[in-house]
N, C-alpha and C. Protein backbone atom coordinates (compact mmCIF):
# COMPACT_ATOMS: atom_id res chain seq x y z
N UNK A 1 106.33 51.35 43.90
CA UNK A 1 106.03 51.63 45.22
C UNK A 1 105.17 51.56 46.03
N UNK A 2 105.48 50.69 47.15
CA UNK A 2 104.57 50.51 47.65
C UNK A 2 103.74 51.22 49.15
N UNK A 3 102.42 50.97 49.44
CA UNK A 3 101.31 52.08 49.89
C UNK A 3 101.73 51.81 50.99
N UNK A 4 101.69 52.60 52.43
CA UNK A 4 101.34 52.40 53.44
C UNK A 4 100.01 52.29 53.92
N UNK A 5 99.72 51.14 54.91
CA UNK A 5 98.29 50.49 55.35
C UNK A 5 96.97 51.90 55.20
N UNK A 6 97.70 52.92 55.58
CA UNK A 6 96.51 53.75 55.77
C UNK A 6 96.18 54.65 54.53
N UNK A 7 97.44 54.43 53.64
CA UNK A 7 96.74 54.88 52.10
C UNK A 7 96.31 54.24 51.29
N UNK A 8 96.04 52.43 51.86
CA UNK A 8 95.56 52.04 50.76
C UNK A 8 94.27 51.56 51.24
N UNK A 9 93.77 52.08 52.38
CA UNK A 9 92.54 51.70 53.22
C UNK A 9 91.65 53.00 52.56
N UNK A 10 92.29 54.52 53.00
CA UNK A 10 91.74 55.45 51.84
C UNK A 10 91.58 55.17 50.89
N UNK A 11 92.44 54.95 49.78
CA UNK A 11 92.23 54.50 48.45
C UNK A 11 90.68 53.41 48.63
N UNK A 12 90.94 52.59 49.29
CA UNK A 12 89.36 51.63 49.23
C UNK A 12 88.42 52.31 49.63
N UNK A 13 88.27 53.11 50.59
CA UNK A 13 86.96 53.68 50.85
C UNK A 13 86.67 54.72 49.84
N UNK A 14 87.59 55.06 49.06
CA UNK A 14 87.04 56.24 47.73
C UNK A 14 86.49 55.58 46.92
N UNK A 15 85.84 54.03 47.18
CA UNK A 15 85.96 53.23 46.29
C UNK A 15 84.39 52.66 46.86
N UNK A 16 84.38 52.72 48.07
CA UNK A 16 83.41 51.83 48.45
C UNK A 16 82.61 52.65 49.72
N UNK A 17 80.97 53.03 49.15
CA UNK A 17 80.42 53.77 49.93
C UNK A 17 80.77 53.56 51.62
N UNK A 18 80.01 51.92 51.77
CA UNK A 18 80.64 51.30 52.96
C UNK A 18 80.90 51.37 54.07
N UNK A 19 81.94 52.08 53.48
CA UNK A 19 83.65 52.17 54.19
C UNK A 19 84.30 53.89 54.68
N UNK A 20 83.87 53.79 55.73
CA UNK A 20 84.46 55.29 56.11
C UNK A 20 85.59 55.38 57.21
N UNK A 21 86.77 56.12 56.14
CA UNK A 21 87.86 55.78 57.24
C UNK A 21 88.08 57.27 57.64
N UNK A 22 88.22 57.35 59.29
CA UNK A 22 88.44 57.77 59.83
C UNK A 22 90.21 57.71 60.45
N UNK A 23 90.87 59.37 60.73
CA UNK A 23 92.01 58.68 61.84
C UNK A 23 92.16 59.54 63.40
N UNK A 24 92.21 58.63 64.10
CA UNK A 24 92.43 59.12 66.05
C UNK A 24 93.89 59.39 65.93
N UNK A 25 94.17 60.67 65.39
CA UNK A 25 95.21 61.37 65.83
C UNK A 25 96.18 61.05 66.92
N UNK A 26 95.57 60.91 68.42
CA UNK A 26 96.17 60.84 69.57
C UNK A 26 95.89 59.30 69.61
N UNK A 27 95.88 58.76 68.95
CA UNK A 27 95.87 56.98 69.13
C UNK A 27 97.41 56.55 69.49
N UNK A 28 97.40 55.80 70.57
CA UNK A 28 99.24 55.41 70.51
C UNK A 28 98.84 53.65 70.44
N UNK A 29 97.71 53.19 70.11
CA UNK A 29 97.26 52.05 70.66
C UNK A 29 96.07 51.27 69.36
N UNK A 30 95.99 49.83 69.46
CA UNK A 30 94.97 49.61 68.91
C UNK A 30 93.35 50.29 69.74
N UNK A 31 93.58 49.46 70.73
CA UNK A 31 92.46 49.98 71.42
C UNK A 31 92.19 51.40 71.59
N UNK A 32 92.79 52.46 71.69
CA UNK A 32 92.62 53.67 71.67
C UNK A 32 91.66 53.49 70.11
N UNK A 33 92.71 53.12 68.98
CA UNK A 33 91.63 53.73 67.66
C UNK A 33 90.59 52.53 67.34
N UNK A 34 90.25 51.45 68.36
CA UNK A 34 88.87 50.99 68.51
C UNK A 34 87.72 52.01 68.91
N UNK A 35 88.03 52.38 70.20
CA UNK A 35 87.03 52.90 71.09
C UNK A 35 87.03 54.00 70.22
N UNK A 36 87.58 54.90 69.71
CA UNK A 36 88.10 56.27 68.75
C UNK A 36 86.42 55.30 67.75
N UNK A 37 86.25 54.38 67.46
CA UNK A 37 85.88 54.23 66.26
C UNK A 37 84.52 53.83 66.54
N UNK A 38 84.49 53.58 67.97
CA UNK A 38 83.04 52.85 68.50
C UNK A 38 82.23 54.10 68.68
N UNK A 39 83.48 55.04 69.64
CA UNK A 39 82.24 56.35 69.52
C UNK A 39 81.95 57.31 68.45
N UNK A 40 82.71 56.93 67.48
CA UNK A 40 82.34 57.29 65.97
C UNK A 40 80.61 56.76 65.45
N UNK A 41 80.47 55.49 65.83
CA UNK A 41 79.75 54.68 65.50
C UNK A 41 77.69 55.19 65.42
N UNK A 42 76.96 55.02 64.52
CA UNK A 42 75.51 55.92 65.38
C UNK A 42 74.83 54.62 65.14
N UNK A 43 75.81 53.22 64.73
CA UNK A 43 74.75 51.64 64.45
C UNK A 43 74.40 51.42 66.03
N UNK A 44 73.39 50.27 65.90
CA UNK A 44 72.88 49.32 67.35
C UNK A 44 73.96 48.69 67.36
N UNK A 45 74.39 47.92 66.36
CA UNK A 45 75.40 46.70 65.95
C UNK A 45 76.51 47.20 65.52
N UNK A 46 77.67 47.57 65.62
CA UNK A 46 79.25 48.00 65.47
C UNK A 46 80.33 46.43 65.32
N UNK A 47 80.81 46.30 64.14
CA UNK A 47 81.43 44.88 63.83
C UNK A 47 83.04 45.28 63.86
N UNK A 48 83.58 44.90 64.44
CA UNK A 48 85.05 45.07 64.50
C UNK A 48 85.90 43.73 63.61
N UNK A 49 86.41 43.64 62.87
CA UNK A 49 87.63 42.92 62.33
C UNK A 49 88.68 43.44 61.93
N UNK A 50 89.98 42.32 62.88
CA UNK A 50 91.47 42.46 61.92
C UNK A 50 91.66 42.43 60.73
N UNK A 51 92.54 43.23 60.20
CA UNK A 51 92.65 43.73 58.39
C UNK A 51 92.99 41.89 58.13
N UNK A 52 93.59 41.69 58.90
CA UNK A 52 93.91 40.19 58.39
C UNK A 52 92.52 38.95 58.41
N UNK A 53 91.60 39.35 59.50
CA UNK A 53 90.87 38.08 59.36
C UNK A 53 90.10 38.08 57.86
N UNK A 54 89.76 36.77 57.47
CA UNK A 54 88.85 36.37 56.39
C UNK A 54 87.64 35.63 57.12
N UNK A 55 86.38 36.69 56.82
CA UNK A 55 84.98 36.13 58.09
C UNK A 55 84.73 34.80 57.14
N UNK A 56 84.41 34.56 57.63
CA UNK A 56 83.39 33.20 56.75
C UNK A 56 81.89 34.04 56.19
N UNK A 57 81.40 33.34 54.84
CA UNK A 57 80.55 34.27 54.48
C UNK A 57 79.32 34.25 55.51
N UNK A 58 78.78 34.01 56.14
CA UNK A 58 77.79 33.19 57.06
C UNK A 58 78.09 33.95 58.29
N UNK A 59 79.00 34.89 58.73
CA UNK A 59 79.32 35.25 59.71
C UNK A 59 78.19 36.77 60.34
N UNK A 60 77.88 37.55 59.43
CA UNK A 60 76.67 38.09 59.78
C UNK A 60 75.56 37.26 60.18
N UNK A 61 75.08 36.56 59.27
CA UNK A 61 73.80 35.68 59.91
C UNK A 61 73.75 34.88 61.08
N UNK A 62 75.09 34.58 61.80
CA UNK A 62 75.25 33.84 62.54
C UNK A 62 74.96 34.87 64.21
N UNK A 63 75.74 36.19 63.65
CA UNK A 63 75.58 37.50 64.90
C UNK A 63 74.30 37.79 65.01
N UNK A 64 73.48 37.76 63.49
CA UNK A 64 71.83 38.10 64.01
C UNK A 64 70.94 36.88 64.29
N UNK A 65 71.63 35.51 64.36
CA UNK A 65 71.05 34.42 64.80
C UNK A 65 70.98 34.59 66.25
N UNK A 66 72.08 35.01 66.65
CA UNK A 66 72.71 35.04 68.86
C UNK A 66 72.41 35.85 68.82
N UNK A 67 72.16 37.07 68.30
CA UNK A 67 72.14 38.42 69.13
C UNK A 67 70.35 38.47 69.25
N UNK A 68 70.42 38.86 70.90
CA UNK A 68 69.66 39.58 71.25
C UNK A 68 69.27 40.66 71.94
N UNK A 69 68.12 41.04 72.83
CA UNK A 69 68.19 42.35 73.47
C UNK A 69 69.36 43.04 74.53
N UNK A 70 69.68 41.82 75.30
CA UNK A 70 70.23 41.77 76.34
C UNK A 70 71.73 41.17 75.79
N UNK A 71 72.31 41.18 74.76
CA UNK A 71 73.83 41.01 74.90
C UNK A 71 74.00 42.30 74.11
N UNK A 72 75.10 42.25 74.65
CA UNK A 72 76.47 43.07 74.43
C UNK A 72 77.48 43.67 73.79
N UNK A 73 77.90 41.98 73.78
CA UNK A 73 79.09 41.26 72.72
C UNK A 73 79.17 40.35 72.43
N UNK A 74 79.32 39.88 71.26
CA UNK A 74 79.64 38.62 70.78
C UNK A 74 81.08 38.06 69.99
N UNK A 75 81.93 37.42 69.90
CA UNK A 75 83.06 37.07 69.96
C UNK A 75 83.50 35.94 69.19
N UNK A 76 83.53 35.94 67.62
CA UNK A 76 84.02 34.99 67.39
C UNK A 76 85.56 33.90 67.04
N UNK A 77 84.99 32.31 66.73
CA UNK A 77 86.40 32.21 67.11
C UNK A 77 87.01 31.77 65.68
N UNK A 78 88.59 32.37 65.80
CA UNK A 78 89.38 32.11 64.54
C UNK A 78 89.99 30.69 64.92
N UNK A 79 90.39 30.59 63.05
CA UNK A 79 91.41 29.40 62.54
C UNK A 79 92.08 30.17 62.08
N UNK A 80 93.74 29.36 62.16
CA UNK A 80 94.82 30.10 61.36
C UNK A 80 94.88 29.32 60.60
N UNK A 81 94.72 29.26 58.91
CA UNK A 81 94.67 28.74 57.75
C UNK A 81 96.18 28.34 58.00
N UNK A 82 97.23 29.05 57.55
CA UNK A 82 98.44 29.11 57.20
C UNK A 82 98.95 28.64 58.62
N UNK A 83 98.97 28.19 59.63
CA UNK A 83 99.37 27.97 60.52
C UNK A 83 100.94 26.70 60.48
N UNK A 84 101.31 25.71 59.95
CA UNK A 84 102.26 25.34 59.77
C UNK A 84 103.37 25.93 58.83
N UNK A 85 102.81 27.26 58.50
CA UNK A 85 103.94 28.33 57.35
C UNK A 85 105.29 28.20 57.86
N UNK A 86 105.05 29.30 58.86
CA UNK A 86 106.50 29.19 59.55
C UNK A 86 106.16 29.54 61.38
N UNK A 87 107.30 30.05 61.60
CA UNK A 87 106.84 29.98 62.69
C UNK A 87 106.68 31.08 63.85
N UNK A 88 106.41 32.21 63.00
CA UNK A 88 104.98 33.01 63.34
C UNK A 88 103.80 33.02 63.49
N UNK A 89 103.48 32.39 62.25
CA UNK A 89 101.92 31.60 61.90
C UNK A 89 101.55 30.53 63.24
N UNK A 90 102.52 29.94 63.43
CA UNK A 90 102.43 28.51 64.57
C UNK A 90 102.46 29.02 65.84
N UNK A 91 103.14 30.65 66.24
CA UNK A 91 102.91 31.17 67.51
C UNK A 91 101.71 31.79 67.22
N UNK A 92 101.04 32.72 66.38
CA UNK A 92 99.80 33.03 65.83
C UNK A 92 98.79 32.13 66.14
N UNK A 93 99.10 30.73 66.01
CA UNK A 93 97.77 29.69 65.94
C UNK A 93 97.64 29.43 67.46
N UNK A 94 98.94 29.59 67.95
CA UNK A 94 98.66 28.70 69.50
C UNK A 94 98.06 30.10 70.52
N UNK A 95 98.17 31.36 70.16
CA UNK A 95 97.43 32.22 70.65
C UNK A 95 96.07 32.58 70.67
N UNK A 96 95.63 32.08 69.04
CA UNK A 96 93.96 32.02 68.69
C UNK A 96 93.43 30.53 69.40
N UNK A 97 94.23 29.68 69.47
CA UNK A 97 93.68 28.38 69.79
C UNK A 97 92.96 28.45 71.03
């Protein structure tokens, strides 16, 4: 039986102390979810990754290197690894390119 995304995340969150799973019951969009999560954060730096992204192992080091007291946001580039797999991956690679 296939678990829904939220159930999978809650399951992972139960075993990872760094992951806090919260639900935004009034959300109807990804933007509302992101804003809700940022509002709950207490750190000076907040990282947001899509669930289908696989960041390079040095991503956080690069953010730390580029961050200054005047920085309000950094956005990394994306590369679609399976861009030739099917029509959907080709379209996503166009969007990300």
